[in-house]
Amino acid sequence: MPLIKPITNDMVKEEVAPLWVELREKWGRKHDFSPDPDGIHDRINATCHGMGILQHWERHGGPAITRLRSFGIPNDICKYLIKTYCAKGERVTEVEHVTKGSRRNQYATFEKWAQEHDAEQFTTLQLAEQSGFSTATIRKYLRTSRYFTKIKSGLYECGYRKD
């Protein structure tokens, strides 16, 4: 879903201006560059960062919530930004921020998954989504993997390959 209208730097300033006023009324200028006990400063930073991400989000595609959470923007700010700036219909389901871990662990998890799905067939795209790797990485992996057998172009079967 697209943005309602393109986000400009002036819109970002207008969005965080009331938060700056609240911060300064409550704490003075003491917390302009450091976190305050109430977390207003963190909210200002996350809002600015989230709006910056949304400025360029459409060219990357995918759900806005996923894009925002991949940068560590808190769920409450994600929901607010999506409801305010994205067209109706954009999903705002909570997505937990998950770190991928090491590549070795990702491959091990993927190979374990492949063993659990013995004799099942999957497309390259399905395998890429399951593993968390790009389709190019998956294609390269599938050429040398002993856990997948090529059925035809773009279709693979799970199971230990006997060459």
N, C-alpha and C. Protein backbone atom coordinates (compact mmCIF):
# COMPACT_ATOMS: atom_id res chain seq x y z
N MET A 1 0.84 -1.18 0.00
CA MET A 1 0.00 0.00 0.00
C MET A 1 0.88 1.24 0.00
N PRO A 2 0.52 2.22 -0.76
CA PRO A 2 1.34 3.43 -0.83
C PRO A 2 1.07 4.38 0.34
N LEU A 3 1.90 5.39 0.40
CA LEU A 3 1.69 6.46 1.38
C LEU A 3 0.53 7.32 0.92
N ILE A 4 -0.14 7.98 1.86
CA ILE A 4 -1.23 8.88 1.50
C ILE A 4 -0.68 10.03 0.67
N LYS A 5 0.44 10.60 1.14
CA LYS A 5 1.17 11.60 0.37
C LYS A 5 2.63 11.49 0.77
N PRO A 6 3.55 11.89 -0.10
CA PRO A 6 4.98 11.75 0.21
C PRO A 6 5.34 12.49 1.50
N ILE A 7 6.17 11.86 2.30
CA ILE A 7 6.62 12.46 3.57
C ILE A 7 7.79 13.39 3.27
N THR A 8 7.69 14.62 3.75
CA THR A 8 8.76 15.60 3.56
C THR A 8 9.46 15.86 4.90
N ASN A 9 10.60 16.51 4.84
CA ASN A 9 11.32 16.85 6.06
C ASN A 9 10.51 17.81 6.93
N ASP A 10 9.73 18.70 6.30
CA ASP A 10 8.88 19.61 7.07
C ASP A 10 7.81 18.84 7.84
N MET A 11 7.28 17.78 7.23
CA MET A 11 6.28 16.96 7.92
C MET A 11 6.89 16.28 9.14
N VAL A 12 8.14 15.85 9.02
CA VAL A 12 8.83 15.22 10.15
C VAL A 12 8.98 16.23 11.29
N LYS A 13 9.41 17.44 10.95
CA LYS A 13 9.57 18.49 11.97
C LYS A 13 8.25 18.80 12.66
N GLU A 14 7.16 18.89 11.87
CA GLU A 14 5.84 19.16 12.44
C GLU A 14 5.38 18.04 13.36
N GLU A 15 5.71 16.81 13.01
CA GLU A 15 5.29 15.65 13.80
C GLU A 15 5.97 15.63 15.16
N VAL A 16 7.25 15.97 15.22
CA VAL A 16 7.98 15.87 16.49
C VAL A 16 8.00 17.17 17.28
N ALA A 17 7.55 18.28 16.69
CA ALA A 17 7.57 19.57 17.40
C ALA A 17 6.83 19.52 18.73
N PRO A 18 5.61 18.94 18.81
CA PRO A 18 4.93 18.88 20.11
C PRO A 18 5.69 18.04 21.14
N LEU A 19 6.38 17.02 20.67
CA LEU A 19 7.17 16.19 21.59
C LEU A 19 8.35 16.97 22.15
N TRP A 20 8.98 17.80 21.31
CA TRP A 20 10.08 18.64 21.79
C TRP A 20 9.56 19.64 22.83
N VAL A 21 8.39 20.22 22.58
CA VAL A 21 7.81 21.17 23.53
C VAL A 21 7.55 20.46 24.86
N GLU A 22 6.97 19.27 24.81
CA GLU A 22 6.69 18.51 26.02
C GLU A 22 7.98 18.18 26.77
N LEU A 23 9.01 17.77 26.04
CA LEU A 23 10.29 17.43 26.65
C LEU A 23 10.90 18.64 27.36
N ARG A 24 10.89 19.78 26.70
CA ARG A 24 11.51 20.98 27.28
C ARG A 24 10.70 21.54 28.43
N GLU A 25 9.37 21.44 28.37
CA GLU A 25 8.55 21.91 29.49
C GLU A 25 8.79 21.05 30.72
N LYS A 26 8.97 19.77 30.51
CA LYS A 26 9.13 18.85 31.63
C LYS A 26 10.55 18.84 32.19
N TRP A 27 11.55 18.89 31.32
CA TRP A 27 12.93 18.69 31.75
C TRP A 27 13.87 19.84 31.39
N GLY A 28 13.41 20.86 30.72
CA GLY A 28 14.30 21.93 30.28
C GLY A 28 15.15 21.43 29.12
N ARG A 29 16.28 22.08 28.89
CA ARG A 29 17.15 21.67 27.78
C ARG A 29 18.16 20.59 28.20
N LYS A 30 18.03 20.15 29.43
CA LYS A 30 18.96 19.17 29.97
C LYS A 30 18.99 17.87 29.15
N HIS A 31 17.86 17.47 28.59
CA HIS A 31 17.78 16.19 27.89
C HIS A 31 17.63 16.35 26.38
N ASP A 32 18.08 17.48 25.81
CA ASP A 32 17.99 17.66 24.36
C ASP A 32 18.79 16.60 23.59
N PHE A 33 19.90 16.16 24.14
CA PHE A 33 20.76 15.22 23.43
C PHE A 33 21.00 13.93 24.20
N SER A 34 20.22 13.70 25.23
CA SER A 34 20.37 12.47 26.01
C SER A 34 18.98 11.99 26.45
N PRO A 35 18.86 10.71 26.72
CA PRO A 35 17.56 10.16 27.11
C PRO A 35 17.02 10.77 28.40
N ASP A 36 15.72 10.96 28.44
CA ASP A 36 15.06 11.46 29.64
C ASP A 36 14.38 10.29 30.34
N PRO A 37 14.04 10.43 31.62
CA PRO A 37 13.42 9.33 32.36
C PRO A 37 12.07 8.88 31.79
N ASP A 38 11.34 9.76 31.12
CA ASP A 38 10.02 9.40 30.60
C ASP A 38 10.07 8.79 29.21
N GLY A 39 11.20 8.80 28.56
CA GLY A 39 11.34 8.21 27.23
C GLY A 39 10.83 9.08 26.09
N ILE A 40 10.59 10.37 26.34
CA ILE A 40 10.11 11.27 25.28
C ILE A 40 11.19 11.42 24.21
N HIS A 41 12.44 11.54 24.65
CA HIS A 41 13.55 11.70 23.70
C HIS A 41 13.65 10.48 22.78
N ASP A 42 13.48 9.29 23.35
CA ASP A 42 13.51 8.07 22.54
C ASP A 42 12.36 8.05 21.54
N ARG A 43 11.19 8.54 21.97
CA ARG A 43 10.02 8.60 21.08
C ARG A 43 10.29 9.57 19.92
N ILE A 44 10.93 10.70 20.21
CA ILE A 44 11.28 11.67 19.16
C ILE A 44 12.21 11.01 18.14
N ASN A 45 13.25 10.35 18.64
CA ASN A 45 14.21 9.70 17.75
C ASN A 45 13.55 8.61 16.90
N ALA A 46 12.73 7.77 17.53
CA ALA A 46 12.08 6.68 16.80
C ALA A 46 11.09 7.22 15.76
N THR A 47 10.38 8.29 16.10
CA THR A 47 9.43 8.88 15.15
C THR A 47 10.16 9.45 13.94
N CYS A 48 11.23 10.20 14.19
CA CYS A 48 12.03 10.76 13.08
C CYS A 48 12.59 9.63 12.21
N HIS A 49 13.15 8.62 12.85
CA HIS A 49 13.74 7.50 12.12
C HIS A 49 12.67 6.76 11.32
N GLY A 50 11.53 6.49 11.95
CA GLY A 50 10.44 5.78 11.27
C GLY A 50 9.91 6.54 10.07
N MET A 51 9.77 7.85 10.20
CA MET A 51 9.28 8.65 9.07
C MET A 51 10.31 8.67 7.95
N GLY A 52 11.59 8.68 8.31
CA GLY A 52 12.65 8.61 7.30
C GLY A 52 12.60 7.28 6.55
N ILE A 53 12.32 6.20 7.27
CA ILE A 53 12.21 4.89 6.63
C ILE A 53 11.02 4.86 5.68
N LEU A 54 9.89 5.43 6.13
CA LEU A 54 8.69 5.45 5.28
C LEU A 54 8.89 6.30 4.03
N GLN A 55 9.77 7.31 4.11
CA GLN A 55 10.03 8.14 2.93
C GLN A 55 10.54 7.28 1.77
N HIS A 56 11.31 6.25 2.08
CA HIS A 56 11.93 5.43 1.05
C HIS A 56 11.37 4.01 1.01
N TRP A 57 10.35 3.74 1.79
CA TRP A 57 9.81 2.38 1.93
C TRP A 57 9.23 1.83 0.63
N GLU A 58 8.52 2.63 -0.13
CA GLU A 58 7.81 2.12 -1.31
C GLU A 58 8.75 1.50 -2.34
N ARG A 59 9.95 2.02 -2.45
CA ARG A 59 10.86 1.46 -3.46
C ARG A 59 11.36 0.08 -3.06
N HIS A 60 11.30 -0.26 -1.77
CA HIS A 60 11.75 -1.57 -1.31
C HIS A 60 10.62 -2.59 -1.30
N GLY A 61 9.37 -2.13 -1.20
CA GLY A 61 8.22 -3.02 -1.19
C GLY A 61 8.06 -3.74 0.13
N GLY A 62 7.08 -4.61 0.18
CA GLY A 62 6.77 -5.36 1.38
C GLY A 62 5.91 -4.55 2.34
N PRO A 63 5.43 -5.20 3.40
CA PRO A 63 4.60 -4.49 4.37
C PRO A 63 5.40 -3.42 5.12
N ALA A 64 4.76 -2.30 5.36
CA ALA A 64 5.43 -1.19 6.06
C ALA A 64 5.84 -1.60 7.47
N ILE A 65 4.99 -2.37 8.16
CA ILE A 65 5.30 -2.77 9.54
C ILE A 65 6.57 -3.61 9.58
N THR A 66 6.75 -4.47 8.60
CA THR A 66 7.95 -5.31 8.55
C THR A 66 9.19 -4.46 8.31
N ARG A 67 9.07 -3.52 7.40
CA ARG A 67 10.20 -2.63 7.10
C ARG A 67 10.58 -1.80 8.33
N LEU A 68 9.59 -1.23 9.00
CA LEU A 68 9.87 -0.41 10.18
C LEU A 68 10.47 -1.26 11.30
N ARG A 69 9.91 -2.44 11.56
CA ARG A 69 10.41 -3.29 12.64
C ARG A 69 11.81 -3.81 12.34
N SER A 70 12.15 -3.97 11.05
CA SER A 70 13.50 -4.44 10.72
C SER A 70 14.55 -3.42 11.14
N PHE A 71 14.14 -2.17 11.30
CA PHE A 71 15.05 -1.13 11.78
C PHE A 71 14.91 -0.90 13.28
N GLY A 72 14.11 -1.71 13.97
CA GLY A 72 13.97 -1.63 15.42
C GLY A 72 13.04 -0.54 15.92
N ILE A 73 12.15 -0.05 15.08
CA ILE A 73 11.19 0.96 15.51
C ILE A 73 10.15 0.26 16.40
N PRO A 74 9.84 0.80 17.59
CA PRO A 74 8.88 0.15 18.49
C PRO A 74 7.50 -0.01 17.84
N ASN A 75 6.78 -1.06 18.25
CA ASN A 75 5.48 -1.37 17.66
C ASN A 75 4.48 -0.23 17.77
N ASP A 76 4.43 0.44 18.93
CA ASP A 76 3.43 1.51 19.09
C ASP A 76 3.68 2.66 18.11
N ILE A 77 4.93 2.99 17.88
CA ILE A 77 5.27 4.06 16.92
C ILE A 77 5.00 3.58 15.49
N CYS A 78 5.30 2.31 15.20
CA CYS A 78 5.00 1.75 13.88
C CYS A 78 3.52 1.87 13.57
N LYS A 79 2.68 1.45 14.52
CA LYS A 79 1.23 1.50 14.31
C LYS A 79 0.77 2.93 14.07
N TYR A 80 1.27 3.86 14.87
CA TYR A 80 0.87 5.26 14.72
C TYR A 80 1.27 5.80 13.34
N LEU A 81 2.51 5.56 12.94
CA LEU A 81 2.99 6.07 11.65
C LEU A 81 2.21 5.46 10.48
N ILE A 82 1.91 4.18 10.55
CA ILE A 82 1.18 3.52 9.47
C ILE A 82 -0.24 4.06 9.38
N LYS A 83 -0.90 4.20 10.54
CA LYS A 83 -2.28 4.72 10.53
C LYS A 83 -2.32 6.17 10.05
N THR A 84 -1.28 6.94 10.34
CA THR A 84 -1.27 8.35 9.98
C THR A 84 -0.84 8.60 8.54
N TYR A 85 0.16 7.87 8.05
CA TYR A 85 0.77 8.21 6.76
C TYR A 85 0.55 7.20 5.64
N CYS A 86 0.11 6.00 5.95
CA CYS A 86 -0.07 4.99 4.90
C CYS A 86 -1.54 4.92 4.47
N ALA A 87 -1.75 4.52 3.23
CA ALA A 87 -3.11 4.39 2.71
C ALA A 87 -3.87 3.32 3.49
N LYS A 88 -5.17 3.41 3.49
CA LYS A 88 -6.01 2.43 4.20
C LYS A 88 -5.73 1.04 3.64
N GLY A 89 -5.78 0.08 4.52
CA GLY A 89 -5.56 -1.30 4.08
C GLY A 89 -4.17 -1.82 4.41
N GLU A 90 -3.25 -0.94 4.78
CA GLU A 90 -1.90 -1.39 5.15
C GLU A 90 -2.00 -2.09 6.50
N ARG A 91 -1.48 -3.32 6.57
CA ARG A 91 -1.62 -4.08 7.81
C ARG A 91 -0.73 -3.50 8.91
N VAL A 92 -1.25 -3.56 10.13
CA VAL A 92 -0.50 -3.04 11.26
C VAL A 92 -0.34 -4.11 12.34
N THR A 93 -0.32 -5.36 11.94
CA THR A 93 -0.14 -6.45 12.88
C THR A 93 1.24 -6.34 13.50
N GLU A 94 1.31 -6.63 14.78
CA GLU A 94 2.60 -6.53 15.46
C GLU A 94 3.56 -7.58 14.94
N VAL A 95 4.78 -7.14 14.73
CA VAL A 95 5.84 -8.03 14.29
C VAL A 95 6.97 -7.87 15.30
N GLU A 96 7.39 -8.97 15.89
CA GLU A 96 8.49 -8.89 16.84
C GLU A 96 9.80 -8.72 16.09
N HIS A 97 10.68 -7.93 16.66
CA HIS A 97 11.99 -7.73 16.05
C HIS A 97 12.82 -8.98 16.32
N VAL A 98 13.18 -9.67 15.28
CA VAL A 98 13.92 -10.92 15.41
C VAL A 98 15.27 -10.76 14.73
N THR A 99 16.32 -11.10 15.45
CA THR A 99 17.64 -11.08 14.83
C THR A 99 17.86 -12.42 14.14
N LYS A 100 18.55 -12.38 13.04
CA LYS A 100 18.72 -13.58 12.23
C LYS A 100 19.70 -14.57 12.86
N GLY A 101 20.66 -14.11 13.60
CA GLY A 101 21.68 -15.00 14.11
C GLY A 101 22.76 -15.20 13.06
N SER A 102 23.63 -16.15 13.30
CA SER A 102 24.72 -16.37 12.35
C SER A 102 24.24 -17.16 11.14
N ARG A 103 24.97 -17.03 10.06
CA ARG A 103 24.62 -17.76 8.83
C ARG A 103 24.71 -19.27 9.07
N ARG A 104 25.68 -19.67 9.85
CA ARG A 104 25.84 -21.09 10.14
C ARG A 104 24.58 -21.63 10.82
N ASN A 105 24.04 -20.87 11.77
CA ASN A 105 22.81 -21.29 12.45
C ASN A 105 21.62 -21.30 11.50
N GLN A 106 21.58 -20.31 10.59
CA GLN A 106 20.49 -20.27 9.62
C GLN A 106 20.52 -21.50 8.71
N TYR A 107 21.73 -21.85 8.23
CA TYR A 107 21.85 -23.03 7.38
C TYR A 107 21.48 -24.29 8.16
N ALA A 108 21.94 -24.40 9.40
CA ALA A 108 21.64 -25.58 10.22
C ALA A 108 20.13 -25.70 10.45
N THR A 109 19.48 -24.59 10.75
CA THR A 109 18.03 -24.60 10.96
C THR A 109 17.31 -24.99 9.67
N PHE A 110 17.77 -24.47 8.56
CA PHE A 110 17.15 -24.76 7.27
C PHE A 110 17.33 -26.24 6.91
N GLU A 111 18.51 -26.80 7.16
CA GLU A 111 18.75 -28.21 6.85
C GLU A 111 17.92 -29.12 7.75
N LYS A 112 17.75 -28.71 9.00
CA LYS A 112 16.89 -29.48 9.92
C LYS A 112 15.45 -29.46 9.41
N TRP A 113 15.00 -28.29 8.97
CA TRP A 113 13.65 -28.16 8.41
C TRP A 113 13.51 -29.07 7.19
N ALA A 114 14.54 -29.11 6.34
CA ALA A 114 14.50 -29.94 5.13
C ALA A 114 14.38 -31.42 5.49
N GLN A 115 15.07 -31.86 6.53
CA GLN A 115 14.98 -33.25 6.96
C GLN A 115 13.58 -33.59 7.47
N GLU A 116 12.92 -32.61 8.09
CA GLU A 116 11.56 -32.82 8.61
C GLU A 116 10.53 -32.88 7.49
N HIS A 117 10.86 -32.35 6.32
CA HIS A 117 9.93 -32.31 5.19
C HIS A 117 10.41 -33.22 4.06
N ASP A 118 10.83 -34.40 4.43
CA ASP A 118 11.36 -35.37 3.47
C ASP A 118 10.32 -35.70 2.39
N ALA A 119 10.77 -35.73 1.15
CA ALA A 119 9.96 -36.08 -0.03
C ALA A 119 8.90 -35.04 -0.38
N GLU A 120 8.95 -33.86 0.19
CA GLU A 120 8.03 -32.78 -0.18
C GLU A 120 8.72 -31.89 -1.21
N GLN A 121 7.93 -31.32 -2.11
CA GLN A 121 8.49 -30.48 -3.17
C GLN A 121 8.20 -29.01 -2.89
N PHE A 122 9.20 -28.17 -3.18
CA PHE A 122 9.08 -26.73 -2.94
C PHE A 122 9.72 -25.96 -4.09
N THR A 123 9.20 -24.76 -4.32
CA THR A 123 9.81 -23.88 -5.33
C THR A 123 10.98 -23.14 -4.70
N THR A 124 11.79 -22.56 -5.53
CA THR A 124 12.93 -21.78 -5.05
C THR A 124 12.47 -20.64 -4.16
N LEU A 125 11.38 -19.98 -4.54
CA LEU A 125 10.85 -18.86 -3.76
C LEU A 125 10.39 -19.33 -2.38
N GLN A 126 9.71 -20.46 -2.32
CA GLN A 126 9.26 -21.00 -1.03
C GLN A 126 10.46 -21.33 -0.14
N LEU A 127 11.49 -21.89 -0.72
CA LEU A 127 12.69 -22.23 0.05
C LEU A 127 13.40 -20.97 0.54
N ALA A 128 13.42 -19.94 -0.29
CA ALA A 128 14.04 -18.67 0.12
C ALA A 128 13.28 -18.06 1.29
N GLU A 129 11.95 -18.09 1.23
CA GLU A 129 11.15 -17.55 2.33
C GLU A 129 11.36 -18.35 3.60
N GLN A 130 11.42 -19.67 3.48
CA GLN A 130 11.59 -20.53 4.65
C GLN A 130 12.96 -20.31 5.30
N SER A 131 13.99 -20.18 4.48
CA SER A 131 15.35 -20.08 5.01
C SER A 131 15.71 -18.69 5.49
N GLY A 132 15.09 -17.67 4.89
CA GLY A 132 15.45 -16.30 5.24
C GLY A 132 16.56 -15.75 4.36
N PHE A 133 17.00 -16.52 3.38
CA PHE A 133 18.03 -16.07 2.45
C PHE A 133 17.39 -15.53 1.18
N SER A 134 18.17 -14.83 0.38
CA SER A 134 17.66 -14.35 -0.91
C SER A 134 17.55 -15.53 -1.87
N THR A 135 16.79 -15.34 -2.94
CA THR A 135 16.64 -16.42 -3.91
C THR A 135 17.97 -16.76 -4.59
N ALA A 136 18.82 -15.75 -4.80
CA ALA A 136 20.13 -16.00 -5.42
C ALA A 136 20.98 -16.88 -4.50
N THR A 137 20.96 -16.59 -3.21
CA THR A 137 21.74 -17.38 -2.25
C THR A 137 21.20 -18.81 -2.19
N ILE A 138 19.89 -18.95 -2.22
CA ILE A 138 19.28 -20.28 -2.17
C ILE A 138 19.65 -21.09 -3.41
N ARG A 139 19.59 -20.46 -4.59
CA ARG A 139 19.96 -21.18 -5.82
C ARG A 139 21.40 -21.68 -5.75
N LYS A 140 22.28 -20.85 -5.25
CA LYS A 140 23.69 -21.24 -5.11
C LYS A 140 23.82 -22.40 -4.11
N TYR A 141 23.09 -22.30 -3.01
CA TYR A 141 23.12 -23.34 -1.98
C TYR A 141 22.57 -24.66 -2.53
N LEU A 142 21.49 -24.58 -3.30
CA LEU A 142 20.84 -25.80 -3.82
C LEU A 142 21.74 -26.57 -4.79
N ARG A 143 22.64 -25.88 -5.48
CA ARG A 143 23.55 -26.55 -6.42
C ARG A 143 24.47 -27.53 -5.70
N THR A 144 24.84 -27.21 -4.46
CA THR A 144 25.80 -28.04 -3.73
C THR A 144 25.19 -28.80 -2.56
N SER A 145 23.94 -28.55 -2.25
CA SER A 145 23.32 -29.16 -1.07
C SER A 145 23.05 -30.64 -1.27
N ARG A 146 23.25 -31.40 -0.22
CA ARG A 146 22.95 -32.83 -0.25
C ARG A 146 21.53 -33.08 0.26
N TYR A 147 20.81 -32.02 0.66
CA TYR A 147 19.47 -32.17 1.23
C TYR A 147 18.35 -31.94 0.22
N PHE A 148 18.68 -31.52 -0.99
CA PHE A 148 17.66 -31.20 -1.99
C PHE A 148 18.02 -31.82 -3.33
N THR A 149 17.00 -32.32 -4.01
CA THR A 149 17.16 -32.87 -5.35
C THR A 149 16.37 -32.01 -6.31
N LYS A 150 17.00 -31.65 -7.42
CA LYS A 150 16.33 -30.82 -8.41
C LYS A 150 15.37 -31.68 -9.22
N ILE A 151 14.10 -31.28 -9.25
CA ILE A 151 13.08 -31.99 -10.02
C ILE A 151 13.03 -31.40 -11.42
N LYS A 152 12.87 -30.11 -11.49
CA LYS A 152 12.92 -29.35 -12.75
C LYS A 152 13.30 -27.92 -12.38
N SER A 153 13.41 -27.07 -13.35
CA SER A 153 13.83 -25.69 -13.10
C SER A 153 12.93 -25.01 -12.08
N GLY A 154 13.50 -24.62 -10.96
CA GLY A 154 12.76 -23.90 -9.93
C GLY A 154 11.99 -24.79 -8.97
N LEU A 155 12.08 -26.11 -9.08
CA LEU A 155 11.35 -27.02 -8.21
C LEU A 155 12.32 -28.04 -7.61
N TYR A 156 12.29 -28.17 -6.29
CA TYR A 156 13.22 -29.06 -5.59
C TYR A 156 12.47 -29.94 -4.62
N GLU A 157 13.04 -31.12 -4.38
CA GLU A 157 12.46 -32.06 -3.42
C GLU A 157 13.39 -32.19 -2.23
N CYS A 158 12.82 -32.15 -1.04
CA CYS A 158 13.61 -32.32 0.18
C CYS A 158 13.95 -33.79 0.35
N GLY A 159 15.06 -34.04 0.94
CA GLY A 159 15.49 -35.41 1.20
C GLY A 159 16.96 -35.54 0.88
N TYR A 160 17.61 -36.44 1.57
CA TYR A 160 19.04 -36.61 1.37
C TYR A 160 19.30 -37.16 -0.02
N ARG A 161 20.11 -36.46 -0.78
CA ARG A 161 20.39 -36.83 -2.18
C ARG A 161 21.45 -37.93 -2.23
N LYS A 162 21.17 -38.95 -3.00
CA LYS A 162 22.12 -40.06 -3.17
C LYS A 162 22.69 -39.97 -4.58
N ASP A 163 23.89 -39.42 -4.71
CA ASP A 163 24.49 -39.23 -6.05
C ASP A 163 25.03 -40.49 -6.60
